Amino acid sequence: MGCGVCYQSCKFGAITMKPRAQRVLTPETSFDKIVLMAIERGKFTNLLFDDPSRLSHRALGRIVNLLEKSPPVQAVMAVKPIRSAFLNAVLKGIKKYADS
């Protein structure tokens, strides 16, 4: 991930750090790490929609803050599936309403 923790904790000096060509957002907390990993793995919609009652307003605020700090490509990776999941849910609701 580029945070440098493994570099600092390696007792044998087997790890070296090289600067990246592009800036990378390093997670500050475990929560940030989980959100960023979900985005990278395409599981962000699952994090948001599987059990929305688990997410407080503070958690949602931190998620939005992470998205704002993310590089544009990573933010698009997160938002595109959300848009699809949201639209699919809306269309499913419309279809159920129309069928009844």
PDB file of N, CA and C in Angstrom:
ATOM      1  N   MET A   1       0.816  -1.204   0.000  1.00  0.00           N
ATOM      2  CA  MET A   1       0.000   0.000   0.000  1.00  0.00           C
ATOM      3  C   MET A   1       0.856   1.263   0.000  1.00  0.00           C
ATOM      4  N   GLY A   2       2.085   1.120   0.378  1.00  0.00           N
ATOM      5  CA  GLY A   2       2.974   2.275   0.365  1.00  0.00           C
ATOM      6  C   GLY A   2       2.987   3.072   1.643  1.00  0.00           C
ATOM      7  N   CYS A   3       2.473   2.513   2.739  1.00  0.00           N
ATOM      8  CA  CYS A   3       2.420   3.273   3.993  1.00  0.00           C
ATOM      9  C   CYS A   3       3.754   3.251   4.739  1.00  0.00           C
ATOM     10  N   GLY A   4       4.622   2.283   4.446  1.00  0.00           N
ATOM     11  CA  GLY A   4       5.938   2.222   5.067  1.00  0.00           C
ATOM     12  C   GLY A   4       6.003   1.451   6.361  1.00  0.00           C
ATOM     13  N   VAL A   5       4.899   0.873   6.819  1.00  0.00           N
ATOM     14  CA  VAL A   5       4.900   0.133   8.075  1.00  0.00           C
ATOM     15  C   VAL A   5       5.817  -1.081   7.987  1.00  0.00           C
ATOM     16  N   CYS A   6       5.740  -1.831   6.893  1.00  0.00           N
ATOM     17  CA  CYS A   6       6.583  -3.024   6.753  1.00  0.00           C
ATOM     18  C   CYS A   6       8.060  -2.634   6.676  1.00  0.00           C
ATOM     19  N   TYR A   7       8.349  -1.511   6.056  1.00  0.00           N
ATOM     20  CA  TYR A   7       9.725  -1.033   5.942  1.00  0.00           C
ATOM     21  C   TYR A   7      10.295  -0.725   7.327  1.00  0.00           C
ATOM     22  N   GLN A   8       9.515  -0.054   8.142  1.00  0.00           N
ATOM     23  CA  GLN A   8       9.967   0.332   9.472  1.00  0.00           C
ATOM     24  C   GLN A   8      10.083  -0.857  10.412  1.00  0.00           C
ATOM     25  N   SER A   9       9.265  -1.872  10.212  1.00  0.00           N
ATOM     26  CA  SER A   9       9.277  -2.997  11.146  1.00  0.00           C
ATOM     27  C   SER A   9      10.193  -4.142  10.706  1.00  0.00           C
ATOM     28  N   CYS A  10      10.776  -4.079   9.514  1.00  0.00           N
ATOM     29  CA  CYS A  10      11.654  -5.144   9.029  1.00  0.00           C
ATOM     30  C   CYS A  10      12.991  -5.092   9.773  1.00  0.00           C
ATOM     31  N   LYS A  11      13.308  -6.142  10.508  1.00  0.00           N
ATOM     32  CA  LYS A  11      14.519  -6.190  11.319  1.00  0.00           C
ATOM     33  C   LYS A  11      15.761  -6.474  10.482  1.00  0.00           C
ATOM     34  N   PHE A  12      15.573  -6.987   9.274  1.00  0.00           N
ATOM     35  CA  PHE A  12      16.705  -7.423   8.461  1.00  0.00           C
ATOM     36  C   PHE A  12      17.062  -6.446   7.340  1.00  0.00           C
ATOM     37  N   GLY A  13      16.288  -5.389   7.174  1.00  0.00           N
ATOM     38  CA  GLY A  13      16.564  -4.421   6.118  1.00  0.00           C
ATOM     39  C   GLY A  13      16.330  -4.972   4.724  1.00  0.00           C
ATOM     40  N   ALA A  14      15.441  -5.951   4.614  1.00  0.00           N
ATOM     41  CA  ALA A  14      15.189  -6.608   3.330  1.00  0.00           C
ATOM     42  C   ALA A  14      14.221  -5.820   2.446  1.00  0.00           C
ATOM     43  N   ILE A  15      13.579  -4.817   2.996  1.00  0.00           N
ATOM     44  CA  ILE A  15      12.579  -4.055   2.250  1.00  0.00           C
ATOM     45  C   ILE A  15      13.132  -2.663   1.960  1.00  0.00           C
ATOM     46  N   THR A  16      12.937  -2.202   0.752  1.00  0.00           N
ATOM     47  CA  THR A  16      13.331  -0.833   0.396  1.00  0.00           C
ATOM     48  C   THR A  16      12.099  -0.079  -0.086  1.00  0.00           C
ATOM     49  N   MET A  17      12.140   1.213   0.098  1.00  0.00           N
ATOM     50  CA  MET A  17      11.030   2.060  -0.341  1.00  0.00           C
ATOM     51  C   MET A  17      11.488   2.858  -1.556  1.00  0.00           C
ATOM     52  N   LYS A  18      10.642   2.891  -2.581  1.00  0.00           N
ATOM     53  CA  LYS A  18      10.916   3.681  -3.776  1.00  0.00           C
ATOM     54  C   LYS A  18       9.747   4.638  -3.983  1.00  0.00           C
ATOM     55  N   PRO A  19      10.026   5.864  -4.373  1.00  0.00           N
ATOM     56  CA  PRO A  19       8.915   6.800  -4.610  1.00  0.00           C
ATOM     57  C   PRO A  19       8.070   6.357  -5.807  1.00  0.00           C
ATOM     58  N   ARG A  20       6.780   6.568  -5.701  1.00  0.00           N
ATOM     59  CA  ARG A  20       5.863   6.228  -6.794  1.00  0.00           C
ATOM     60  C   ARG A  20       5.748   7.396  -7.758  1.00  0.00           C
ATOM     61  N   ALA A  21       5.432   7.065  -8.974  1.00  0.00           N
ATOM     62  CA  ALA A  21       5.250   8.106  -9.993  1.00  0.00           C
ATOM     63  C   ALA A  21       4.004   8.933  -9.705  1.00  0.00           C
ATOM     64  N   GLN A  22       2.972   8.275  -9.125  1.00  0.00           N
ATOM     65  CA  GLN A  22       1.711   8.956  -8.850  1.00  0.00           C
ATOM     66  C   GLN A  22       1.463   8.928  -7.346  1.00  0.00           C
ATOM     67  N   ARG A  23       0.922  10.016  -6.809  1.00  0.00           N
ATOM     68  CA  ARG A  23       0.613  10.107  -5.392  1.00  0.00           C
ATOM     69  C   ARG A  23      -0.448   9.058  -5.022  1.00  0.00           C
ATOM     70  N   VAL A  24      -0.247   8.401  -3.884  1.00  0.00           N
ATOM     71  CA  VAL A  24      -1.173   7.379  -3.419  1.00  0.00           C
ATOM     72  C   VAL A  24      -1.701   7.802  -2.051  1.00  0.00           C
ATOM     73  N   LEU A  25      -3.006   7.664  -1.868  1.00  0.00           N
ATOM     74  CA  LEU A  25      -3.627   7.989  -0.590  1.00  0.00           C
ATOM     75  C   LEU A  25      -3.359   6.851   0.384  1.00  0.00           C
ATOM     76  N   THR A  26      -2.608   7.128   1.448  1.00  0.00           N
ATOM     77  CA  THR A  26      -2.291   6.124   2.458  1.00  0.00           C
ATOM     78  C   THR A  26      -3.356   6.198   3.548  1.00  0.00           C
ATOM     79  N   PRO A  27      -3.980   5.069   3.884  1.00  0.00           N
ATOM     80  CA  PRO A  27      -5.032   5.093   4.903  1.00  0.00           C
ATOM     81  C   PRO A  27      -4.482   5.457   6.278  1.00  0.00           C
ATOM     82  N   GLU A  28      -5.230   6.276   7.006  1.00  0.00           N
ATOM     83  CA  GLU A  28      -4.810   6.694   8.340  1.00  0.00           C
ATOM     84  C   GLU A  28      -5.332   5.753   9.420  1.00  0.00           C
ATOM     85  N   THR A  29      -6.470   5.107   9.166  1.00  0.00           N
ATOM     86  CA  THR A  29      -7.075   4.221  10.159  1.00  0.00           C
ATOM     87  C   THR A  29      -7.479   2.909   9.493  1.00  0.00           C
ATOM     88  N   SER A  30      -7.866   1.946  10.295  1.00  0.00           N
ATOM     89  CA  SER A  30      -8.348   0.665   9.764  1.00  0.00           C
ATOM     90  C   SER A  30      -9.614   0.864   8.940  1.00  0.00           C
ATOM     91  N   PHE A  31     -10.472   1.777   9.371  1.00  0.00           N
ATOM     92  CA  PHE A  31     -11.700   2.068   8.630  1.00  0.00           C
ATOM     93  C   PHE A  31     -11.363   2.572   7.232  1.00  0.00           C
ATOM     94  N   ASP A  32     -10.415   3.517   7.161  1.00  0.00           N
ATOM     95  CA  ASP A  32      -9.991   4.049   5.861  1.00  0.00           C
ATOM     96  C   ASP A  32      -9.430   2.929   4.989  1.00  0.00           C
ATOM     97  N   LYS A  33      -8.653   2.050   5.589  1.00  0.00           N
ATOM     98  CA  LYS A  33      -8.054   0.930   4.855  1.00  0.00           C
ATOM     99  C   LYS A  33      -9.134   0.027   4.271  1.00  0.00           C
ATOM    100  N   ILE A  34     -10.158  -0.271   5.055  1.00  0.00           N
ATOM    101  CA  ILE A  34     -11.242  -1.146   4.601  1.00  0.00           C
ATOM    102  C   ILE A  34     -11.986  -0.503   3.431  1.00  0.00           C
ATOM    103  N   VAL A  35     -12.275   0.789   3.535  1.00  0.00           N
ATOM    104  CA  VAL A  35     -12.995   1.483   2.463  1.00  0.00           C
ATOM    105  C   VAL A  35     -12.165   1.500   1.189  1.00  0.00           C
ATOM    106  N   LEU A  36     -10.885   1.847   1.296  1.00  0.00           N
ATOM    107  CA  LEU A  36     -10.023   1.905   0.113  1.00  0.00           C
ATOM    108  C   LEU A  36      -9.845   0.526  -0.524  1.00  0.00           C
ATOM    109  N   MET A  37      -9.728  -0.518   0.300  1.00  0.00           N
ATOM    110  CA  MET A  37      -9.622  -1.877  -0.240  1.00  0.00           C
ATOM    111  C   MET A  37     -10.907  -2.268  -0.946  1.00  0.00           C
ATOM    112  N   ALA A  38     -12.053  -1.887  -0.395  1.00  0.00           N
ATOM    113  CA  ALA A  38     -13.334  -2.196  -1.035  1.00  0.00           C
ATOM    114  C   ALA A  38     -13.436  -1.515  -2.395  1.00  0.00           C
ATOM    115  N   ILE A  39     -12.959  -0.284  -2.481  1.00  0.00           N
ATOM    116  CA  ILE A  39     -12.979   0.434  -3.763  1.00  0.00           C
ATOM    117  C   ILE A  39     -12.092  -0.278  -4.767  1.00  0.00           C
ATOM    118  N   GLU A  40     -10.857  -0.606  -4.351  1.00  0.00           N
ATOM    119  CA  GLU A  40      -9.904  -1.251  -5.262  1.00  0.00           C
ATOM    120  C   GLU A  40     -10.402  -2.601  -5.755  1.00  0.00           C
ATOM    121  N   ARG A  41     -11.111  -3.325  -4.909  1.00  0.00           N
ATOM    122  CA  ARG A  41     -11.561  -4.681  -5.254  1.00  0.00           C
ATOM    123  C   ARG A  41     -12.949  -4.712  -5.881  1.00  0.00           C
ATOM    124  N   GLY A  42     -13.552  -3.541  -6.068  1.00  0.00           N
ATOM    125  CA  GLY A  42     -14.878  -3.499  -6.676  1.00  0.00           C
ATOM    126  C   GLY A  42     -15.989  -3.948  -5.738  1.00  0.00           C
ATOM    127  N   LYS A  43     -15.774  -3.856  -4.439  1.00  0.00           N
ATOM    128  CA  LYS A  43     -16.752  -4.292  -3.442  1.00  0.00           C
ATOM    129  C   LYS A  43     -17.345  -3.123  -2.653  1.00  0.00           C
ATOM    130  N   PHE A  44     -17.176  -1.922  -3.171  1.00  0.00           N
ATOM    131  CA  PHE A  44     -17.625  -0.737  -2.444  1.00  0.00           C
ATOM    132  C   PHE A  44     -19.139  -0.716  -2.271  1.00  0.00           C
ATOM    133  N   THR A  45     -19.873  -1.108  -3.300  1.00  0.00           N
ATOM    134  CA  THR A  45     -21.342  -1.123  -3.184  1.00  0.00           C
ATOM    135  C   THR A  45     -21.789  -2.125  -2.131  1.00  0.00           C
ATOM    136  N   ASN A  46     -21.074  -3.245  -2.017  1.00  0.00           N
ATOM    137  CA  ASN A  46     -21.412  -4.219  -0.975  1.00  0.00           C
ATOM    138  C   ASN A  46     -21.229  -3.608   0.408  1.00  0.00           C
ATOM    139  N   LEU A  47     -20.149  -2.844   0.570  1.00  0.00           N
ATOM    140  CA  LEU A  47     -19.878  -2.193   1.851  1.00  0.00           C
ATOM    141  C   LEU A  47     -21.005  -1.232   2.220  1.00  0.00           C
ATOM    142  N   LEU A  48     -21.519  -0.520   1.231  1.00  0.00           N
ATOM    143  CA  LEU A  48     -22.565   0.464   1.496  1.00  0.00           C
ATOM    144  C   LEU A  48     -23.957  -0.134   1.631  1.00  0.00           C
ATOM    145  N   PHE A  49     -24.286  -1.106   0.768  1.00  0.00           N
ATOM    146  CA  PHE A  49     -25.678  -1.541   0.663  1.00  0.00           C
ATOM    147  C   PHE A  49     -26.008  -2.877   1.313  1.00  0.00           C
ATOM    148  N   ASP A  50     -25.028  -3.692   1.687  1.00  0.00           N
ATOM    149  CA  ASP A  50     -25.346  -4.991   2.280  1.00  0.00           C
ATOM    150  C   ASP A  50     -26.063  -4.859   3.619  1.00  0.00           C
ATOM    151  N   ASP A  51     -25.604  -3.945   4.468  1.00  0.00           N
ATOM    152  CA  ASP A  51     -26.253  -3.712   5.755  1.00  0.00           C
ATOM    153  C   ASP A  51     -26.135  -2.231   6.100  1.00  0.00           C
ATOM    154  N   PRO A  52     -26.966  -1.393   5.477  1.00  0.00           N
ATOM    155  CA  PRO A  52     -26.824   0.051   5.672  1.00  0.00           C
ATOM    156  C   PRO A  52     -27.025   0.504   7.117  1.00  0.00           C
ATOM    157  N   SER A  53     -27.707  -0.298   7.930  1.00  0.00           N
ATOM    158  CA  SER A  53     -27.929   0.096   9.317  1.00  0.00           C
ATOM    159  C   SER A  53     -26.630   0.105  10.122  1.00  0.00           C
ATOM    160  N   ARG A  54     -25.590  -0.575   9.621  1.00  0.00           N
ATOM    161  CA  ARG A  54     -24.296  -0.581  10.315  1.00  0.00           C
ATOM    162  C   ARG A  54     -23.563   0.738  10.173  1.00  0.00           C
ATOM    163  N   LEU A  55     -23.886   1.516   9.155  1.00  0.00           N
ATOM    164  CA  LEU A  55     -23.156   2.744   8.865  1.00  0.00           C
ATOM    165  C   LEU A  55     -23.851   3.947   9.493  1.00  0.00           C
ATOM    166  N   SER A  56     -23.151   4.610  10.374  1.00  0.00           N
ATOM    167  CA  SER A  56     -23.696   5.825  10.985  1.00  0.00           C
ATOM    168  C   SER A  56     -23.449   7.012  10.064  1.00  0.00           C
ATOM    169  N   HIS A  57     -23.986   8.149  10.430  1.00  0.00           N
ATOM    170  CA  HIS A  57     -23.746   9.358   9.637  1.00  0.00           C
ATOM    171  C   HIS A  57     -22.266   9.729   9.650  1.00  0.00           C
ATOM    172  N   ARG A  58     -21.577   9.423  10.749  1.00  0.00           N
ATOM    173  CA  ARG A  58     -20.136   9.703  10.818  1.00  0.00           C
ATOM    174  C   ARG A  58     -19.363   8.812   9.855  1.00  0.00           C
ATOM    175  N   ALA A  59     -19.744   7.543   9.790  1.00  0.00           N
ATOM    176  CA  ALA A  59     -19.067   6.616   8.871  1.00  0.00           C
ATOM    177  C   ALA A  59     -19.284   7.054   7.425  1.00  0.00           C
ATOM    178  N   LEU A  60     -20.497   7.434   7.096  1.00  0.00           N
ATOM    179  CA  LEU A  60     -20.770   7.905   5.732  1.00  0.00           C
ATOM    180  C   LEU A  60     -19.994   9.183   5.421  1.00  0.00           C
ATOM    181  N   GLY A  61     -19.859  10.055   6.411  1.00  0.00           N
ATOM    182  CA  GLY A  61     -19.063  11.267   6.221  1.00  0.00           C
ATOM    183  C   GLY A  61     -17.598  10.956   5.966  1.00  0.00           C
ATOM    184  N   ARG A  62     -17.058   9.970   6.670  1.00  0.00           N
ATOM    185  CA  ARG A  62     -15.664   9.576   6.455  1.00  0.00           C
ATOM    186  C   ARG A  62     -15.482   8.945   5.079  1.00  0.00           C
ATOM    187  N   ILE A  63     -16.472   8.185   4.645  1.00  0.00           N
ATOM    188  CA  ILE A  63     -16.404   7.572   3.311  1.00  0.00           C
ATOM    189  C   ILE A  63     -16.383   8.661   2.240  1.00  0.00           C
ATOM    190  N   VAL A  64     -17.258   9.641   2.377  1.00  0.00           N
ATOM    191  CA  VAL A  64     -17.290  10.737   1.411  1.00  0.00           C
ATOM    192  C   VAL A  64     -15.963  11.505   1.445  1.00  0.00           C
ATOM    193  N   ASN A  65     -15.414  11.721   2.630  1.00  0.00           N
ATOM    194  CA  ASN A  65     -14.131  12.414   2.763  1.00  0.00           C
ATOM    195  C   ASN A  65     -13.024  11.640   2.043  1.00  0.00           C
ATOM    196  N   LEU A  66     -13.009  10.329   2.182  1.00  0.00           N
ATOM    197  CA  LEU A  66     -12.015   9.505   1.476  1.00  0.00           C
ATOM    198  C   LEU A  66     -12.176   9.616  -0.032  1.00  0.00           C
ATOM    199  N   LEU A  67     -13.424   9.612  -0.492  1.00  0.00           N
ATOM    200  CA  LEU A  67     -13.662   9.742  -1.930  1.00  0.00           C
ATOM    201  C   LEU A  67     -13.191  11.096  -2.453  1.00  0.00           C
ATOM    202  N   GLU A  68     -13.395  12.139  -1.655  1.00  0.00           N
ATOM    203  CA  GLU A  68     -12.958  13.471  -2.074  1.00  0.00           C
ATOM    204  C   GLU A  68     -11.434  13.559  -2.163  1.00  0.00           C
ATOM    205  N   LYS A  69     -10.722  12.855  -1.287  1.00  0.00           N
ATOM    206  CA  LYS A  69      -9.260  12.886  -1.281  1.00  0.00           C
ATOM    207  C   LYS A  69      -8.649  11.938  -2.308  1.00  0.00           C
ATOM    208  N   SER A  70      -9.437  11.008  -2.799  1.00  0.00           N
ATOM    209  CA  SER A  70      -8.931   9.993  -3.722  1.00  0.00           C
ATOM    210  C   SER A  70      -8.602  10.598  -5.076  1.00  0.00           C
ATOM    211  N   PRO A  71      -7.657   9.973  -5.781  1.00  0.00           N
ATOM    212  CA  PRO A  71      -7.417  10.398  -7.165  1.00  0.00           C
ATOM    213  C   PRO A  71      -8.697  10.199  -7.983  1.00  0.00           C
ATOM    214  N   PRO A  72      -8.906  11.009  -9.016  1.00  0.00           N
ATOM    215  CA  PRO A  72     -10.149  10.931  -9.798  1.00  0.00           C
ATOM    216  C   PRO A  72     -10.463   9.533 -10.326  1.00  0.00           C
ATOM    217  N   VAL A  73      -9.461   8.811 -10.761  1.00  0.00           N
ATOM    218  CA  VAL A  73      -9.706   7.470 -11.299  1.00  0.00           C
ATOM    219  C   VAL A  73     -10.275   6.556 -10.224  1.00  0.00           C
ATOM    220  N   GLN A  74      -9.733   6.634  -9.016  1.00  0.00           N
ATOM    221  CA  GLN A  74     -10.216   5.787  -7.931  1.00  0.00           C
ATOM    222  C   GLN A  74     -11.627   6.192  -7.516  1.00  0.00           C
ATOM    223  N   ALA A  75     -11.915   7.481  -7.508  1.00  0.00           N
ATOM    224  CA  ALA A  75     -13.264   7.936  -7.163  1.00  0.00           C
ATOM    225  C   ALA A  75     -14.282   7.438  -8.182  1.00  0.00           C
ATOM    226  N   VAL A  76     -13.919   7.459  -9.449  1.00  0.00           N
ATOM    227  CA  VAL A  76     -14.813   6.947 -10.496  1.00  0.00           C
ATOM    228  C   VAL A  76     -15.039   5.458 -10.310  1.00  0.00           C
ATOM    229  N   MET A  77     -13.976   4.724  -9.936  1.00  0.00           N
ATOM    230  CA  MET A  77     -14.112   3.285  -9.692  1.00  0.00           C
ATOM    231  C   MET A  77     -15.131   3.017  -8.594  1.00  0.00           C
ATOM    232  N   ALA A  78     -15.230   3.909  -7.627  1.00  0.00           N
ATOM    233  CA  ALA A  78     -16.172   3.727  -6.521  1.00  0.00           C
ATOM    234  C   ALA A  78     -17.579   4.155  -6.899  1.00  0.00           C
ATOM    235  N   VAL A  79     -17.706   5.266  -7.609  1.00  0.00           N
ATOM    236  CA  VAL A  79     -19.017   5.848  -7.880  1.00  0.00           C
ATOM    237  C   VAL A  79     -19.773   5.105  -8.980  1.00  0.00           C
ATOM    238  N   LYS A  80     -19.082   4.623  -9.991  1.00  0.00           N
ATOM    239  CA  LYS A  80     -19.747   3.960 -11.115  1.00  0.00           C
ATOM    240  C   LYS A  80     -20.605   2.773 -10.668  1.00  0.00           C
ATOM    241  N   PRO A  81     -20.080   1.831  -9.846  1.00  0.00           N
ATOM    242  CA  PRO A  81     -20.944   0.725  -9.400  1.00  0.00           C
ATOM    243  C   PRO A  81     -22.079   1.172  -8.486  1.00  0.00           C
ATOM    244  N   ILE A  82     -21.851   2.230  -7.705  1.00  0.00           N
ATOM    245  CA  ILE A  82     -22.926   2.729  -6.828  1.00  0.00           C
ATOM    246  C   ILE A  82     -24.068   3.222  -7.681  1.00  0.00           C
ATOM    247  N   ARG A  83     -23.745   3.971  -8.710  1.00  0.00           N
ATOM    248  CA  ARG A  83     -24.780   4.485  -9.604  1.00  0.00           C
ATOM    249  C   ARG A  83     -25.561   3.327 -10.208  1.00  0.00           C
ATOM    250  N   SER A  84     -24.861   2.293 -10.648  1.00  0.00           N
ATOM    251  CA  SER A  84     -25.523   1.133 -11.249  1.00  0.00           C
ATOM    252  C   SER A  84     -26.403   0.420 -10.236  1.00  0.00           C
ATOM    253  N   ALA A  85     -25.896   0.199  -9.019  1.00  0.00           N
ATOM    254  CA  ALA A  85     -26.669  -0.487  -7.988  1.00  0.00           C
ATOM    255  C   ALA A  85     -27.896   0.331  -7.605  1.00  0.00           C
ATOM    256  N   PHE A  86     -27.728   1.645  -7.499  1.00  0.00           N
ATOM    257  CA  PHE A  86     -28.848   2.509  -7.141  1.00  0.00           C
ATOM    258  C   PHE A  86     -29.914   2.486  -8.222  1.00  0.00           C
ATOM    259  N   LEU A  87     -29.492   2.630  -9.467  1.00  0.00           N
ATOM    260  CA  LEU A  87     -30.459   2.617 -10.568  1.00  0.00           C
ATOM    261  C   LEU A  87     -31.162   1.271 -10.682  1.00  0.00           C
ATOM    262  N   ASN A  88     -30.427   0.186 -10.493  1.00  0.00           N
ATOM    263  CA  ASN A  88     -31.045  -1.144 -10.533  1.00  0.00           C
ATOM    264  C   ASN A  88     -32.100  -1.285  -9.432  1.00  0.00           C
ATOM    265  N   ALA A  89     -31.799  -0.780  -8.236  1.00  0.00           N
ATOM    266  CA  ALA A  89     -32.766  -0.844  -7.138  1.00  0.00           C
ATOM    267  C   ALA A  89     -34.001  -0.010  -7.449  1.00  0.00           C
ATOM    268  N   VAL A  90     -33.785   1.164  -8.008  1.00  0.00           N
ATOM    269  CA  VAL A  90     -34.917   2.034  -8.365  1.00  0.00           C
ATOM    270  C   VAL A  90     -35.778   1.367  -9.426  1.00  0.00           C
ATOM    271  N   LEU A  91     -35.142   0.819 -10.451  1.00  0.00           N
ATOM    272  CA  LEU A  91     -35.899   0.171 -11.525  1.00  0.00           C
ATOM    273  C   LEU A  91     -36.666  -1.043 -11.006  1.00  0.00           C
ATOM    274  N   LYS A  92     -36.047  -1.796 -10.101  1.00  0.00           N
ATOM    275  CA  LYS A  92     -36.729  -2.955  -9.514  1.00  0.00           C
ATOM    276  C   LYS A  92     -37.957  -2.501  -8.728  1.00  0.00           C
ATOM    277  N   GLY A  93     -37.808  -1.393  -7.981  1.00  0.00           N
ATOM    278  CA  GLY A  93     -38.928  -0.848  -7.218  1.00  0.00           C
ATOM    279  C   GLY A  93     -40.038  -0.355  -8.113  1.00  0.00           C
ATOM    280  N   ILE A  94     -39.680   0.273  -9.222  1.00  0.00           N
ATOM    281  CA  ILE A  94     -40.678   0.751 -10.185  1.00  0.00           C
ATOM    282  C   ILE A  94     -41.417  -0.421 -10.790  1.00  0.00           C
ATOM    283  N   LYS A  95     -40.699  -1.476 -11.130  1.00  0.00           N
ATOM    284  CA  LYS A  95     -41.329  -2.649 -11.740  1.00  0.00           C
ATOM    285  C   LYS A  95     -42.305  -3.298 -10.771  1.00  0.00           C
ATOM    286  N   LYS A  96     -41.897  -3.432  -9.484  1.00  0.00           N
ATOM    287  CA  LYS A  96     -42.802  -4.010  -8.480  1.00  0.00           C
ATOM    288  C   LYS A  96     -44.046  -3.153  -8.338  1.00  0.00           C
ATOM    289  N   TYR A  97     -43.866  -1.822  -8.326  1.00  0.00           N
ATOM    290  CA  TYR A  97     -44.989  -0.907  -8.192  1.00  0.00           C
ATOM    291  C   TYR A  97     -45.923  -1.023  -9.390  1.00  0.00           C
ATOM    292  N   ALA A  98     -45.348  -1.140 -10.573  1.00  0.00           N
ATOM    293  CA  ALA A  98     -46.152  -1.221 -11.793  1.00  0.00           C
ATOM    294  C   ALA A  98     -46.914  -2.547 -11.870  1.00  0.00           C
ATOM    295  N   ASP A  99     -46.298  -3.631 -11.341  1.00  0.00           N
ATOM    296  CA  ASP A  99     -46.936  -4.944 -11.382  1.00  0.00           C
ATOM    297  C   ASP A  99     -48.087  -5.060 -10.381  1.00  0.00           C
ATOM    298  N   SER A 100     -48.083  -4.224  -9.348  1.00  0.00           N
ATOM    299  CA  SER A 100     -49.141  -4.364  -8.313  1.00  0.00           C
ATOM    300  C   SER A 100     -50.338  -3.505  -8.596  1.00  0.00           C
TER     301      SER A 100
END
